[in-house]
Amino acid sequence: MTQQENNDVKMNIIFIIFSNLSCPGPVIAEDKILQVMPSVVLALHLLCERRAESSPWKPYLDIMPDTYTTPLYFTPDELKLLKGSPAQSRLHSPYCWR
């Protein structure tokens, strides 16, 4: 399976799961950039679900942490601490966040 086919499958799964939501479906359907960024699409849907009082996901999302740490935003000194770990090699991969 090519990378594009893989992205298409991910997007189709996301659209099926969230097809009954009004937010942000119309934007995603029209935006070619979002259509190849399934992680961003998922994040947008989670934000909408968290804000919707009637969402069955709201209680769960409300107890999730408001902040988290990711190597994507580490300082150079923090990145040095990853030296020799699998995380360090993944940081340099263009596909590590997919």
Protein backbone atom coordinates (compact mmCIF):
# COMPACT_ATOMS: atom_id res chain seq x y z
CA MET A 1 0.00 0.00 0.00
CA THR A 2 1.40 3.41 -0.93
CA GLN A 3 1.58 6.30 1.53
CA GLN A 4 -1.24 8.07 -0.33
CA GLU A 5 -3.45 4.96 -0.18
CA ASN A 6 -2.66 4.63 3.51
CA ASN A 7 -3.68 8.27 4.07
CA ASP A 8 -6.88 7.70 2.08
CA VAL A 9 -7.80 4.71 4.24
CA LYS A 10 -7.16 6.70 7.43
CA MET A 11 -9.28 9.58 6.18
CA ASN A 12 -12.11 7.25 5.19
CA ILE A 13 -12.08 5.68 8.65
CA ILE A 14 -12.16 9.10 10.30
CA PHE A 15 -15.02 10.25 8.07
CA ILE A 16 -17.02 7.10 8.82
CA ILE A 17 -16.51 7.42 12.57
CA PHE A 18 -17.41 11.11 12.66
CA SER A 19 -19.94 11.25 9.82
CA ASN A 20 -22.81 12.09 12.17
CA LEU A 21 -21.08 15.18 13.55
CA SER A 22 -21.71 18.63 12.13
CA CYS A 23 -18.48 20.08 13.48
CA PRO A 24 -16.02 20.41 11.65
CA GLY A 25 -17.14 18.03 8.91
CA PRO A 26 -17.96 20.61 6.21
CA VAL A 27 -14.58 22.29 6.61
CA ILE A 28 -12.71 19.01 6.32
CA ALA A 29 -14.73 17.93 3.31
CA GLU A 30 -13.63 21.05 1.42
CA ASP A 31 -10.06 21.46 2.69
CA LYS A 32 -7.50 19.50 0.64
CA ILE A 33 -4.77 20.03 3.24
CA LEU A 34 -6.84 18.65 6.10
CA GLN A 35 -7.79 15.67 3.97
CA VAL A 36 -4.19 14.42 4.11
CA MET A 37 -3.70 15.21 7.82
CA PRO A 38 -5.73 12.60 9.73
CA SER A 39 -4.17 13.48 13.08
CA VAL A 40 -5.25 17.11 12.75
CA VAL A 41 -8.74 16.03 11.67
CA LEU A 42 -9.02 13.82 14.73
CA ALA A 43 -7.84 16.68 16.97
CA LEU A 44 -10.47 19.01 15.48
CA HIS A 45 -13.20 16.48 16.10
CA LEU A 46 -12.05 15.95 19.67
CA LEU A 47 -12.11 19.70 20.28
CA CYS A 48 -15.67 19.89 18.96
CA GLU A 49 -16.75 16.92 21.05
CA ARG A 50 -15.25 18.47 24.15
CA ARG A 51 -17.19 21.69 23.60
CA ALA A 52 -20.53 20.02 22.80
CA GLU A 53 -22.57 19.66 25.99
CA SER A 54 -24.60 16.82 24.48
CA SER A 55 -21.56 14.81 23.32
CA PRO A 56 -21.33 11.31 24.78
CA TRP A 57 -17.54 11.83 24.76
CA LYS A 58 -17.61 15.07 26.80
CA PRO A 59 -17.28 13.48 30.29
CA TYR A 60 -14.27 11.46 29.17
CA LEU A 61 -12.65 14.37 27.35
CA ASP A 62 -13.19 16.67 30.33
CA ILE A 63 -10.98 14.49 32.53
CA MET A 64 -8.14 14.37 30.01
CA PRO A 65 -5.07 16.53 30.78
CA ASP A 66 -5.11 20.09 29.45
CA THR A 67 -1.40 19.96 28.65
CA TYR A 68 1.11 17.30 27.71
CA THR A 69 4.71 17.02 26.64
CA THR A 70 5.84 15.90 23.22
CA PRO A 71 9.37 15.72 21.79
CA LEU A 72 8.17 17.87 18.91
CA TYR A 73 8.44 20.89 21.23
CA PHE A 74 11.51 19.88 23.25
CA THR A 75 14.37 22.33 23.71
CA PRO A 76 17.78 21.34 22.32
CA ASP A 77 18.92 20.38 25.84
CA GLU A 78 15.86 18.15 26.32
CA LEU A 79 16.48 16.51 22.95
CA LYS A 80 20.02 15.62 24.06
CA LEU A 81 18.48 13.51 26.84
CA LEU A 82 16.94 11.28 24.16
CA LYS A 83 20.34 10.39 22.68
CA GLY A 84 20.52 6.68 21.91
CA SER A 85 16.81 6.08 22.43
CA PRO A 86 14.29 4.94 19.80
CA ALA A 87 12.50 8.26 20.28
CA GLN A 88 15.51 10.18 19.01
CA SER A 89 15.64 8.33 15.69
CA ARG A 90 11.88 8.73 15.23
CA LEU A 91 12.13 12.50 15.62
CA HIS A 92 14.08 12.73 12.38
CA SER A 93 11.62 10.67 10.38
CA PRO A 94 9.25 12.71 8.17
CA TYR A 95 6.50 10.20 8.98
CA CYS A 96 6.91 10.07 12.76
CA TRP A 97 3.76 12.07 13.49
CA ARG A 98 1.38 10.08 11.28
